[in-house]
Amino acid sequence: MKQASRLLLVTSLFISTLTSVTYATSSIAATEKYQKQNQQIEKAITKAMKKFQVPGVAVAIVKNDQVVFSKGFGIVESGKKAKVNADTLFGIASNTKAMTTALIAGLVDEGKLTWQTKVIDIIPEFQMPDAYVTREFTIIDLLSHNSGLGLGAGDLTIWPETTLTTKDVIKALKHLPQTSSFRSEFAYDNLMYVIAGEVIARITGKSWQENIEQRIFKKLAMKNTKSAFSKIEKNNKNVARAHVPLEGQLHVVGGNFLEKFSSAGSVASSVNDMSLWLKAQLKQGVYLEATENEKNSEQRLFSARQSRAMWQARTLLSVSEAAQRNDKTHFYAYGLGWFLNDYHGVKLIHHSGGILGMVSKVVIVPEENLAMVILTNQQSGSAFNAIYRQILNEYMDLPEKDWTDYYYEKQQKRLAKEKKRLADASASIAKDSKPSLPLASYGQTYVDNWYGEIHITEAKNKLTMQFSNTPELKGTLEHYQYNTFIVRWHDRTLEADAFVNFNLNPDGSINYVTMKAVSKLTDFSFDFHDLKLIPKQ
């Protein structure tokens, strides 16, 4: 028996080695076939990094079921020597959403629920602002950004890092303002994906993190990928640090990886691991599982039927004249966990991800059997846009164009336009106006129904604001005009200063307080405009 077992082991090792050699040989051949395209892509990556001040980038390309490009560029952290490679871990942020959707697709295949299952049948305490919407809200509605809530509504309950929980998020939903009717308009909504994670947990009896680790990472052999940054081994130094550019200088920032709200965007991965995910997506859920037999066994994360369901247009978005003219785009929509549009005659399936100091992009072109992932350790969307467009140019043989120059010019125009708007607004304020009340009168505790308490304190003739559930949101109030102030956050890398406007009662007491981001370039997740702060009684 021992001799037979040993013979079987040796045979298995030989087959495994032979398979690895065959795969490596075919992979090298595939890479050599696209050598010219890849050389142009490398030039574009290097140029984009320099132009947009990105210290590190990793890119992988899958074509015809082969990884034809997988490489790191630059450094893990500004000022340090460690280089990015194809195994460097980055936060993929909202590219996690497609994985959350895939988990639900698998549960649909198993008959545990359907896409039309009502959320209240799984989470009875789930409540939207409108009773009809609460009753009719389905799994599809959770995933397609058509809830009727505004862009990024309630994101301050989950980001920056907060003391609130998923239970608090569910409780807050009914207090958020509706900005459109149910299922009528697209408005990107992270909270619904937090709820989707809770759906998965309640259906399976296991956490979202356990589910994604067992049902996706383990099955696809994504060995280095983690469901949260806190799960990365302490001795693993091959982890990208996030960077925010301020006044020409890069600032290393940490945290804010949605640890407690994983299903919306907490995964950390590498381009080598993400290429396995891309292969499964291109094959509509099929992956190869190593077995003791002579050949690998085909398995599925989800059925072809569910793949089609996830790539079906659910919520329509507008198409700009420029996109119609330059990209030959005629439709733009959101499916389930994916954006969808046509591009020069083919369908693109794509998504971006962004957390403070780190952004990423995943693009799939089913008709070309092509997919790519771009991971970066700086928050320049222009950089990853330029890179993925260049890859499409090279692999789809599209007309030559310098996408880095295109996006740089576009970025500069946008920055100049906003700078002018802010200057014009500043020039028109009543500079001689003064607050109606003594500063100490503004210093109170205020309560918002969906967020909770926000404290304003006065000391030494200075007002300080502190969001009770968000330690990082602490700043000093500077007088703007009349009863409007601007809160300057102490952490300048947030880039989210906001107007704070005090509305007074006839007797001069404070009725309520509203907030609004000063710059139109502020990340939409700082949804200060959704707050209505009432003095705490």
Protein backbone atom coordinates (compact mmCIF):
# COMPACT_ATOMS: atom_id res chain seq x y z
CA MET A 1 0.00 0.00 0.00
CA LYS A 2 2.78 2.42 0.92
CA GLN A 3 4.62 1.62 -2.31
CA ALA A 4 1.46 2.14 -4.38
CA SER A 5 0.70 5.43 -2.62
CA ARG A 6 4.25 6.60 -3.25
CA LEU A 7 3.96 5.68 -6.93
CA LEU A 8 0.68 7.61 -7.14
CA LEU A 9 2.30 10.61 -5.47
CA VAL A 10 5.27 10.56 -7.88
CA THR A 11 2.90 10.22 -10.84
CA SER A 12 0.77 13.11 -9.56
CA LEU A 13 3.85 15.27 -9.09
CA PHE A 14 5.03 14.44 -12.61
CA ILE A 15 1.64 15.33 -14.09
CA SER A 16 1.50 18.50 -12.02
CA THR A 17 5.00 19.49 -13.14
CA LEU A 18 4.20 18.66 -16.76
CA THR A 19 1.01 20.73 -16.57
CA SER A 20 2.94 23.66 -15.07
CA VAL A 21 5.62 23.46 -17.75
CA THR A 22 2.99 23.26 -20.51
CA TYR A 23 1.12 26.22 -19.06
CA ALA A 24 4.30 28.25 -18.62
CA THR A 25 5.39 27.50 -22.19
CA SER A 26 2.01 28.46 -23.66
CA SER A 27 1.89 31.58 -21.48
CA ILE A 28 5.35 32.67 -22.70
CA ALA A 29 4.33 32.02 -26.30
CA ALA A 30 1.18 34.09 -25.82
CA THR A 31 3.19 36.92 -24.28
CA GLU A 32 5.68 36.89 -27.15
CA LYS A 33 2.80 37.07 -29.63
CA TYR A 34 1.72 40.39 -28.11
CA GLN A 35 5.22 41.74 -27.51
CA LYS A 36 4.77 44.79 -29.73
CA GLN A 37 1.47 45.76 -28.05
CA ASN A 38 2.93 45.23 -24.59
CA GLN A 39 5.93 47.44 -25.33
CA GLN A 40 3.60 50.30 -26.24
CA ILE A 41 1.55 49.66 -23.09
CA GLU A 42 4.67 49.79 -20.90
CA LYS A 43 5.58 53.15 -22.40
CA ALA A 44 2.06 54.42 -21.69
CA ILE A 45 2.16 53.18 -18.09
CA THR A 46 5.52 54.86 -17.44
CA LYS A 47 4.33 58.12 -18.99
CA ALA A 48 1.04 58.10 -17.05
CA MET A 49 2.86 57.48 -13.76
CA LYS A 50 5.15 60.44 -14.37
CA LYS A 51 2.43 62.76 -15.66
CA PHE A 52 -0.02 62.06 -12.84
CA GLN A 53 2.54 61.57 -10.03
CA VAL A 54 1.70 57.92 -9.32
CA PRO A 55 4.50 56.08 -7.43
CA GLY A 56 3.36 52.52 -8.13
CA VAL A 57 1.22 50.63 -10.67
CA ALA A 58 0.56 46.96 -11.40
CA VAL A 59 -1.19 45.72 -14.55
CA ALA A 60 -2.34 42.32 -15.81
CA ILE A 61 -3.92 41.49 -19.17
CA VAL A 62 -5.73 38.25 -20.04
CA LYS A 63 -6.24 37.38 -23.69
CA ASN A 64 -7.70 34.09 -25.00
CA ASP A 65 -7.44 32.51 -21.54
CA GLN A 66 -3.74 33.34 -21.21
CA VAL A 67 -2.08 35.94 -19.02
CA VAL A 68 -0.18 37.88 -21.67
CA PHE A 69 0.98 40.69 -19.41
CA SER A 70 1.47 40.81 -15.64
CA LYS A 71 3.91 43.32 -14.25
CA GLY A 72 4.58 45.92 -11.58
CA PHE A 73 6.01 49.40 -12.09
CA GLY A 74 7.47 51.92 -9.68
CA ILE A 75 7.61 51.63 -5.91
CA VAL A 76 5.40 50.44 -3.07
CA GLU A 77 5.87 53.64 -1.06
CA SER A 78 7.15 57.07 -2.02
CA GLY A 79 10.69 57.61 -0.78
CA LYS A 80 11.33 53.88 -0.24
CA LYS A 81 13.16 51.37 -2.45
CA ALA A 82 10.77 48.40 -2.45
CA LYS A 83 9.43 47.89 -5.97
CA VAL A 84 5.91 46.99 -7.07
CA ASN A 85 5.59 43.57 -8.71
CA ALA A 86 2.73 41.39 -9.94
CA ASP A 87 2.16 40.03 -6.41
CA THR A 88 2.04 43.41 -4.62
CA LEU A 89 -1.22 43.82 -2.72
CA PHE A 90 -3.40 46.87 -3.36
CA GLY A 91 -6.87 47.82 -2.18
CA ILE A 92 -9.29 47.11 -5.04
CA ALA A 93 -12.07 49.09 -3.29
CA SER A 94 -15.36 49.01 -5.24
CA ASN A 95 -14.09 46.30 -7.59
CA THR A 96 -15.11 44.20 -4.58
CA LYS A 97 -18.75 44.83 -5.56
CA ALA A 98 -18.59 42.42 -8.52
CA MET A 99 -17.36 39.75 -6.11
CA THR A 100 -20.22 40.42 -3.72
CA THR A 101 -22.60 40.11 -6.67
CA ALA A 102 -20.93 36.85 -7.73
CA LEU A 103 -21.49 35.41 -4.24
CA ILE A 104 -25.19 36.19 -4.54
CA ALA A 105 -25.24 34.70 -8.05
CA GLY A 106 -23.90 31.46 -6.59
CA LEU A 107 -26.62 31.47 -3.94
CA VAL A 108 -29.23 32.00 -6.68
CA ASP A 109 -27.84 28.94 -8.49
CA GLU A 110 -28.16 26.96 -5.25
CA GLY A 111 -31.80 28.00 -4.87
CA LYS A 112 -31.11 29.83 -1.59
CA LEU A 113 -32.78 32.99 -2.96
CA THR A 114 -33.70 34.62 -6.30
CA TRP A 115 -32.82 37.96 -7.83
CA GLN A 116 -36.43 38.97 -7.15
CA THR A 117 -36.37 37.98 -3.46
CA LYS A 118 -37.57 40.86 -1.28
CA VAL A 119 -34.92 42.23 1.05
CA ILE A 120 -37.39 42.41 3.96
CA ASP A 121 -37.88 38.63 3.66
CA ILE A 122 -34.23 38.23 4.67
CA ILE A 123 -33.69 41.38 6.77
CA PRO A 124 -37.08 42.20 8.37
CA GLU A 125 -35.79 45.43 9.94
CA PHE A 126 -34.78 46.82 6.53
CA GLN A 127 -36.61 50.12 5.94
CA MET A 128 -36.35 52.69 3.18
CA PRO A 129 -37.80 56.22 3.53
CA ASP A 130 -40.95 55.14 1.67
CA ALA A 131 -43.11 52.19 2.82
CA TYR A 132 -43.88 51.08 -0.74
CA VAL A 133 -40.17 51.02 -1.62
CA THR A 134 -39.42 49.03 1.54
CA ARG A 135 -42.02 46.43 0.60
CA GLU A 136 -40.94 46.11 -3.05
CA PHE A 137 -37.15 46.34 -2.69
CA THR A 138 -35.48 43.25 -4.22
CA ILE A 139 -31.97 41.80 -4.41
CA ILE A 140 -31.62 43.28 -7.91
CA ASP A 141 -32.44 46.72 -6.47
CA LEU A 142 -29.67 46.33 -3.89
CA LEU A 143 -27.12 45.85 -6.66
CA SER A 144 -28.18 48.24 -9.44
CA HIS A 145 -27.97 51.73 -7.83
CA ASN A 146 -31.59 52.74 -8.46
CA SER A 147 -32.88 53.06 -4.89
CA GLY A 148 -34.09 56.67 -5.19
CA LEU A 149 -31.49 57.82 -2.66
CA GLY A 150 -28.91 60.38 -3.77
CA LEU A 151 -25.34 59.84 -4.96
CA GLY A 152 -23.33 58.40 -2.08
CA ALA A 153 -26.24 58.87 0.32
CA GLY A 154 -25.27 57.92 3.87
CA ASP A 155 -21.63 57.17 3.02
CA LEU A 156 -20.54 59.12 6.10
CA THR A 157 -21.87 56.21 8.17
CA ILE A 158 -19.21 53.92 6.66
CA TRP A 159 -16.30 56.16 5.58
CA PRO A 160 -13.88 57.57 6.74
CA GLU A 161 -13.32 54.88 9.38
CA THR A 162 -16.25 54.96 11.74
CA THR A 163 -17.48 53.53 15.04
CA LEU A 164 -20.84 52.66 13.43
CA THR A 165 -21.84 49.11 12.46
CA THR A 166 -23.91 47.42 9.76
CA LYS A 167 -26.80 47.43 12.24
CA ASP A 168 -26.49 51.22 12.45
CA VAL A 169 -26.40 51.50 8.64
CA ILE A 170 -29.64 49.53 8.32
CA LYS A 171 -31.25 51.70 10.99
CA ALA A 172 -30.13 54.90 9.23
CA LEU A 173 -31.60 54.10 5.79
CA LYS A 174 -35.15 55.24 6.54
CA HIS A 175 -33.90 58.71 7.53
CA LEU A 176 -31.93 59.41 4.33
CA PRO A 177 -33.47 61.90 1.90
CA GLN A 178 -34.86 60.58 -1.38
CA THR A 179 -33.77 62.53 -4.47
CA SER A 180 -35.67 60.61 -7.14
CA SER A 181 -38.44 58.06 -7.42
CA PHE A 182 -37.69 54.37 -6.93
CA ARG A 183 -36.01 52.67 -9.94
CA SER A 184 -36.11 55.86 -12.03
CA GLU A 185 -32.51 57.10 -11.93
CA PHE A 186 -28.95 55.96 -11.37
CA ALA A 187 -27.22 57.13 -8.18
CA TYR A 188 -24.16 55.21 -6.97
CA ASP A 189 -24.92 53.78 -3.53
CA ASN A 190 -22.36 52.00 -1.33
CA LEU A 191 -24.81 51.32 1.50
CA MET A 192 -26.86 48.92 -0.63
CA TYR A 193 -23.78 46.74 -1.07
CA VAL A 194 -23.28 46.77 2.69
CA ILE A 195 -26.84 45.42 2.92
CA ALA A 196 -26.04 42.85 0.20
CA GLY A 197 -23.20 41.57 2.38
CA GLU A 198 -25.64 41.21 5.27
CA VAL A 199 -28.02 39.29 3.00
CA ILE A 200 -25.21 36.83 2.20
CA ALA A 201 -24.38 36.44 5.89
CA ARG A 202 -27.98 35.76 6.91
CA ILE A 203 -28.63 33.30 4.08
CA THR A 204 -25.45 31.27 4.70
CA GLY A 205 -24.99 31.68 8.45
CA LYS A 206 -21.41 32.80 7.77
CA SER A 207 -19.88 36.26 7.49
CA TRP A 208 -19.36 37.90 4.11
CA GLN A 209 -15.62 37.57 4.69
CA GLU A 210 -15.86 33.80 5.27
CA ASN A 211 -18.01 33.44 2.17
CA ILE A 212 -15.70 35.32 -0.17
CA GLU A 213 -12.64 33.52 1.18
CA GLN A 214 -14.20 30.06 0.75
CA ARG A 215 -16.38 30.57 -2.33
CA ILE A 216 -14.08 32.76 -4.46
CA PHE A 217 -10.49 33.14 -3.21
CA LYS A 218 -9.95 29.49 -2.26
CA LYS A 219 -11.68 28.09 -5.34
CA LEU A 220 -9.75 30.34 -7.74
CA ALA A 221 -6.46 29.81 -5.87
CA MET A 222 -6.18 33.55 -5.22
CA LYS A 223 -3.67 32.70 -2.50
CA ASN A 224 -2.48 36.18 -1.61
CA THR A 225 -5.86 37.95 -1.76
CA LYS A 226 -7.45 39.01 1.52
CA SER A 227 -11.01 40.01 2.36
CA ALA A 228 -9.65 42.93 4.42
CA PHE A 229 -6.31 44.69 4.89
CA SER A 230 -6.22 43.66 8.54
CA LYS A 231 -5.92 40.03 7.39
CA ILE A 232 -2.65 40.62 5.55
CA GLU A 233 0.19 38.83 7.36
CA LYS A 234 2.33 41.16 9.47
CA ASN A 235 5.52 39.92 7.80
CA ASN A 236 4.24 40.61 4.29
CA LYS A 237 6.07 43.74 3.13
CA ASN A 238 4.79 43.50 -0.45
CA VAL A 239 1.83 45.77 0.25
CA ALA A 240 1.24 49.09 -1.50
CA ARG A 241 0.88 52.22 0.61
CA ALA A 242 -1.77 54.77 -0.35
CA HIS A 243 -0.74 58.27 -1.49
CA VAL A 244 -2.52 61.62 -1.76
CA PRO A 245 -0.92 64.45 -3.76
CA LEU A 246 -1.16 67.87 -2.12
CA GLU A 247 0.44 70.98 -3.62
CA GLY A 248 2.85 68.89 -5.67
CA GLN A 249 3.92 66.64 -2.78
CA LEU A 250 2.88 63.02 -2.19
CA HIS A 251 1.56 62.21 1.28
CA VAL A 252 1.40 58.62 2.51
CA VAL A 253 -1.95 57.86 4.14
CA GLY A 254 -3.25 54.76 5.90
CA GLY A 255 -6.44 53.02 6.90
CA ASN A 256 -9.88 53.77 5.48
CA PHE A 257 -10.19 50.38 3.77
CA LEU A 258 -13.85 49.80 4.74
CA GLU A 259 -12.85 47.04 7.15
CA LYS A 260 -16.26 46.80 8.82
CA PHE A 261 -18.27 47.25 5.61
CA SER A 262 -16.35 44.71 3.55
CA SER A 263 -18.92 43.84 0.91
CA ALA A 264 -18.81 47.40 -0.47
CA GLY A 265 -15.05 47.52 -1.02
CA SER A 266 -12.51 46.01 1.39
CA VAL A 267 -10.64 43.40 -0.69
CA ALA A 268 -6.85 43.56 -1.05
CA SER A 269 -5.43 41.76 -4.08
CA SER A 270 -2.63 41.62 -6.65
CA VAL A 271 -2.75 41.60 -10.43
CA ASN A 272 -1.54 37.97 -10.48
CA ASP A 273 -4.49 36.93 -8.32
CA MET A 274 -6.95 39.23 -10.09
CA SER A 275 -6.03 37.61 -13.43
CA LEU A 276 -7.57 34.37 -12.06
CA TRP A 277 -10.77 36.29 -11.31
CA LEU A 278 -10.72 37.76 -14.82
CA LYS A 279 -10.36 34.32 -16.39
CA ALA A 280 -13.41 33.06 -14.49
CA GLN A 281 -15.38 36.12 -15.59
CA LEU A 282 -14.48 35.64 -19.25
CA LYS A 283 -15.54 31.99 -18.98
CA GLN A 284 -18.90 32.97 -17.42
CA GLY A 285 -18.04 31.49 -14.04
CA VAL A 286 -15.95 28.48 -15.10
CA TYR A 287 -12.60 27.80 -13.44
CA LEU A 288 -10.22 24.84 -13.31
CA GLU A 289 -9.82 22.98 -10.05
CA ALA A 290 -6.71 20.86 -9.52
CA THR A 291 -7.52 17.21 -8.80
CA GLU A 292 -5.61 13.96 -8.27
CA ASN A 293 -6.69 12.85 -11.74
CA GLU A 294 -4.63 13.41 -14.86
CA LYS A 295 -6.42 16.60 -15.79
CA ASN A 296 -7.92 19.53 -13.98
CA SER A 297 -11.65 19.51 -13.41
CA GLU A 298 -13.94 22.30 -14.64
CA GLN A 299 -15.96 23.88 -11.84
CA ARG A 300 -18.20 26.92 -11.59
CA LEU A 301 -18.44 29.94 -9.33
CA PHE A 302 -21.83 30.66 -10.92
CA SER A 303 -23.75 29.52 -13.98
CA ALA A 304 -23.64 31.07 -17.46
CA ARG A 305 -27.23 32.14 -16.82
CA GLN A 306 -26.20 34.17 -13.79
CA SER A 307 -23.25 35.62 -15.70
CA ARG A 308 -25.71 36.96 -18.26
CA ALA A 309 -27.89 38.31 -15.46
CA MET A 310 -24.98 40.24 -13.95
CA TRP A 311 -24.00 41.66 -17.35
CA GLN A 312 -27.54 42.70 -18.25
CA ALA A 313 -28.34 46.44 -18.26
CA ARG A 314 -30.50 47.31 -15.24
CA THR A 315 -30.20 51.07 -14.71
CA LEU A 316 -29.56 53.44 -17.60
CA LEU A 317 -27.07 56.32 -17.57
CA SER A 318 -26.77 59.15 -20.05
CA VAL A 319 -24.24 59.07 -22.90
CA SER A 320 -22.36 62.29 -23.63
CA GLU A 321 -22.00 63.67 -27.13
CA ALA A 322 -18.22 63.27 -26.81
CA ALA A 323 -18.58 59.56 -25.98
CA GLN A 324 -20.91 59.04 -28.92
CA ARG A 325 -18.51 60.84 -31.24
CA ASN A 326 -15.13 59.59 -29.99
CA ASP A 327 -15.87 56.17 -28.48
CA LYS A 328 -18.79 55.12 -30.70
CA THR A 329 -20.79 54.65 -27.48
CA HIS A 330 -24.57 54.40 -27.85
CA PHE A 331 -25.59 52.97 -24.48
CA TYR A 332 -24.30 53.23 -20.93
CA ALA A 333 -25.81 51.33 -18.02
CA TYR A 334 -25.22 49.58 -14.72
CA GLY A 335 -25.82 45.87 -14.46
CA LEU A 336 -25.27 43.97 -11.21
CA GLY A 337 -21.86 44.93 -9.83
CA TRP A 338 -20.68 46.15 -13.24
CA PHE A 339 -20.90 49.17 -15.53
CA LEU A 340 -21.76 48.35 -19.16
CA ASN A 341 -21.36 50.26 -22.41
CA ASP A 342 -20.51 49.74 -26.06
CA TYR A 343 -17.12 50.93 -27.30
CA HIS A 344 -16.11 50.91 -30.96
CA GLY A 345 -18.55 48.11 -31.69
CA VAL A 346 -17.93 45.83 -28.71
CA LYS A 347 -19.43 45.59 -25.23
CA LEU A 348 -17.31 46.67 -22.27
CA ILE A 349 -17.91 45.28 -18.77
CA HIS A 350 -16.02 47.41 -16.28
CA HIS A 351 -15.76 48.96 -12.84
CA SER A 352 -13.43 51.27 -10.96
CA GLY A 353 -12.53 51.31 -7.29
CA GLY A 354 -11.38 54.14 -5.07
CA ILE A 355 -10.36 54.61 -1.47
CA LEU A 356 -8.29 57.42 -0.01
CA GLY A 357 -4.97 57.37 -1.88
CA MET A 358 -5.58 54.24 -3.98
CA VAL A 359 -7.64 53.59 -7.14
CA SER A 360 -8.10 50.66 -9.52
CA LYS A 361 -9.81 49.60 -12.73
CA VAL A 362 -11.11 46.30 -14.12
CA VAL A 363 -12.23 46.01 -17.76
CA ILE A 364 -13.63 42.96 -19.59
CA VAL A 365 -14.27 42.74 -23.35
CA PRO A 366 -16.08 39.40 -23.84
CA GLU A 367 -16.22 39.57 -27.65
CA GLU A 368 -12.44 40.01 -27.79
CA ASN A 369 -11.83 37.43 -25.02
CA LEU A 370 -9.85 40.21 -23.37
CA ALA A 371 -9.69 41.48 -19.79
CA MET A 372 -7.41 43.68 -17.74
CA VAL A 373 -6.82 44.96 -14.22
CA ILE A 374 -4.95 48.12 -13.22
CA LEU A 375 -4.01 48.70 -9.57
CA THR A 376 -2.42 51.95 -8.37
CA ASN A 377 -1.23 53.45 -5.08
CA GLN A 378 -2.34 57.02 -5.78
CA GLN A 379 -5.84 58.36 -6.27
CA SER A 380 -5.52 59.50 -9.90
CA GLY A 381 -8.42 58.19 -11.96
CA SER A 382 -6.86 59.92 -14.95
CA ALA A 383 -3.87 57.57 -14.72
CA PHE A 384 -5.83 54.31 -14.80
CA ASN A 385 -8.16 55.70 -17.48
CA ALA A 386 -5.18 56.51 -19.71
CA ILE A 387 -3.68 53.05 -19.14
CA TYR A 388 -6.81 51.00 -19.81
CA ARG A 389 -7.65 53.04 -22.91
CA GLN A 390 -4.13 52.46 -24.23
CA ILE A 391 -4.53 48.71 -23.66
CA LEU A 392 -7.80 48.74 -25.59
CA ASN A 393 -6.10 50.66 -28.38
CA GLU A 394 -3.31 48.11 -28.67
CA TYR A 395 -5.36 44.92 -28.31
CA MET A 396 -8.33 46.06 -30.42
CA ASP A 397 -6.20 47.73 -33.09
CA LEU A 398 -7.93 51.08 -32.69
CA PRO A 399 -6.68 54.40 -34.13
CA GLU A 400 -3.51 55.64 -32.44
CA LYS A 401 -4.02 58.17 -29.66
CA ASP A 402 -2.00 59.42 -26.70
CA TRP A 403 -4.47 58.84 -23.88
CA THR A 404 -2.13 60.19 -21.21
CA ASP A 405 -1.98 63.58 -22.90
CA TYR A 406 -5.76 63.47 -23.45
CA TYR A 407 -6.57 62.83 -19.78
CA TYR A 408 -3.92 65.25 -18.53
CA GLU A 409 -5.41 68.07 -20.59
CA LYS A 410 -8.89 67.11 -19.44
CA GLN A 411 -7.75 67.10 -15.79
CA GLN A 412 -6.04 70.49 -16.09
CA LYS A 413 -9.15 72.06 -17.62
CA ARG A 414 -11.31 70.64 -14.84
CA LEU A 415 -8.97 71.91 -12.12
CA ALA A 416 -8.73 75.37 -13.73
CA LYS A 417 -12.51 75.61 -14.08
CA GLU A 418 -13.07 74.75 -10.41
CA LYS A 419 -10.30 77.09 -9.28
CA LYS A 420 -11.95 79.95 -11.15
CA ARG A 421 -15.39 79.11 -9.74
CA LEU A 422 -14.05 79.12 -6.17
CA ALA A 423 -12.20 82.41 -6.77
CA ASP A 424 -15.33 84.05 -8.20
CA ALA A 425 -17.41 82.82 -5.25
CA SER A 426 -14.84 84.11 -2.75
CA ALA A 427 -14.73 87.52 -4.46
CA SER A 428 -18.50 87.94 -4.11
CA ILE A 429 -18.87 87.31 -0.36
CA ALA A 430 -19.68 90.03 2.16
CA LYS A 431 -16.25 90.21 3.73
CA ASP A 432 -17.29 92.75 6.37
CA SER A 433 -20.22 90.66 7.63
CA LYS A 434 -20.08 89.12 11.08
CA PRO A 435 -21.83 86.18 12.79
CA SER A 436 -25.21 87.05 14.29
CA LEU A 437 -24.37 85.30 17.56
CA PRO A 438 -21.41 85.15 19.93
CA LEU A 439 -19.18 82.20 18.93
CA ALA A 440 -20.03 80.38 22.17
CA SER A 441 -23.70 80.23 21.07
CA TYR A 442 -22.77 78.10 18.04
CA GLY A 443 -20.93 75.67 20.29
CA GLN A 444 -23.51 72.94 20.88
CA THR A 445 -24.16 69.26 20.24
CA TYR A 446 -26.24 68.69 17.12
CA VAL A 447 -28.07 65.55 16.05
CA ASP A 448 -28.83 64.19 12.59
CA ASN A 449 -31.38 61.39 12.30
CA TRP A 450 -29.26 59.12 10.10
CA TYR A 451 -25.70 59.98 11.17
CA GLY A 452 -25.98 60.74 14.88
CA GLU A 453 -24.28 63.43 16.95
CA ILE A 454 -21.89 66.13 15.76
CA HIS A 455 -20.20 68.33 18.35
CA ILE A 456 -19.22 71.97 17.92
CA THR A 457 -17.20 73.40 20.79
CA GLU A 458 -15.88 76.88 21.48
CA ALA A 459 -12.57 77.55 23.20
CA LYS A 460 -10.28 80.60 23.07
CA ASN A 461 -12.57 82.30 20.58
CA LYS A 462 -12.30 79.36 18.15
CA LEU A 463 -14.93 76.82 17.01
CA THR A 464 -14.06 73.14 16.51
CA MET A 465 -16.29 70.52 14.86
CA GLN A 466 -16.06 66.80 15.66
CA PHE A 467 -18.20 64.06 14.07
CA SER A 468 -18.92 61.75 17.00
CA ASN A 469 -18.72 58.50 15.00
CA THR A 470 -15.83 59.51 12.73
CA PRO A 471 -12.60 60.40 14.56
CA GLU A 472 -10.90 61.76 11.40
CA LEU A 473 -13.66 64.31 10.80
CA LYS A 474 -12.36 66.94 13.18
CA GLY A 475 -11.74 70.49 12.04
CA THR A 476 -11.70 74.19 12.79
CA LEU A 477 -14.57 76.48 11.72
CA GLU A 478 -13.53 79.66 9.93
CA HIS A 479 -16.07 82.42 9.41
CA TYR A 480 -17.12 82.78 5.75
CA GLN A 481 -19.97 85.30 5.80
CA TYR A 482 -23.04 86.03 7.96
CA ASN A 483 -23.95 82.73 9.71
CA THR A 484 -21.97 80.53 7.35
CA PHE A 485 -18.58 79.05 8.27
CA ILE A 486 -16.16 76.70 6.52
CA VAL A 487 -14.88 73.67 8.41
CA ARG A 488 -11.22 73.03 7.60
CA TRP A 489 -10.48 69.41 8.48
CA HIS A 490 -7.25 68.91 10.40
CA ASP A 491 -6.39 65.99 8.13
CA ARG A 492 -5.77 67.93 4.91
CA THR A 493 -5.46 64.75 2.83
CA LEU A 494 -9.25 64.33 3.05
CA GLU A 495 -9.66 67.32 0.68
CA ALA A 496 -13.24 67.77 1.85
CA ASP A 497 -13.66 71.17 3.50
CA ALA A 498 -17.33 72.06 3.84
CA PHE A 499 -19.63 75.02 4.35
CA VAL A 500 -21.49 74.96 7.67
CA ASN A 501 -24.61 77.13 7.57
CA PHE A 502 -26.55 77.98 10.73
CA ASN A 503 -30.26 78.69 10.23
CA LEU A 504 -31.72 80.85 13.02
CA ASN A 505 -35.15 81.03 14.62
CA PRO A 506 -36.92 84.43 14.91
CA ASP A 507 -35.69 84.70 18.50
CA GLY A 508 -32.09 84.32 17.38
CA SER A 509 -31.61 80.76 18.60
CA ILE A 510 -30.25 78.11 16.21
CA ASN A 511 -32.98 76.24 14.35
CA TYR A 512 -30.87 73.78 12.35
CA VAL A 513 -27.51 73.45 10.57
CA THR A 514 -26.76 72.30 7.02
CA MET A 515 -23.46 71.43 5.38
CA LYS A 516 -22.16 71.31 1.81
CA ALA A 517 -18.74 70.56 0.31
CA VAL A 518 -16.87 73.70 -0.71
CA SER A 519 -15.33 72.20 -3.85
CA LYS A 520 -17.23 70.36 -6.56
CA LEU A 521 -14.21 68.05 -6.80
CA THR A 522 -14.80 66.67 -3.30
CA ASP A 523 -15.38 62.92 -3.29
CA PHE A 524 -19.11 62.16 -3.37
CA SER A 525 -18.82 59.91 -0.31
CA PHE A 526 -18.54 63.05 1.81
CA ASP A 527 -22.32 63.49 1.63
CA PHE A 528 -22.46 66.46 4.02
CA HIS A 529 -25.43 67.83 2.04
CA ASP A 530 -27.60 64.95 3.30
CA LEU A 531 -27.22 66.09 6.91
CA LYS A 532 -29.74 68.21 8.78
CA LEU A 533 -28.35 68.96 12.22
CA ILE A 534 -30.78 69.87 14.99
CA PRO A 535 -29.56 71.25 18.34
CA LYS A 536 -29.73 68.47 20.91
CA GLN A 537 -32.33 69.16 23.57
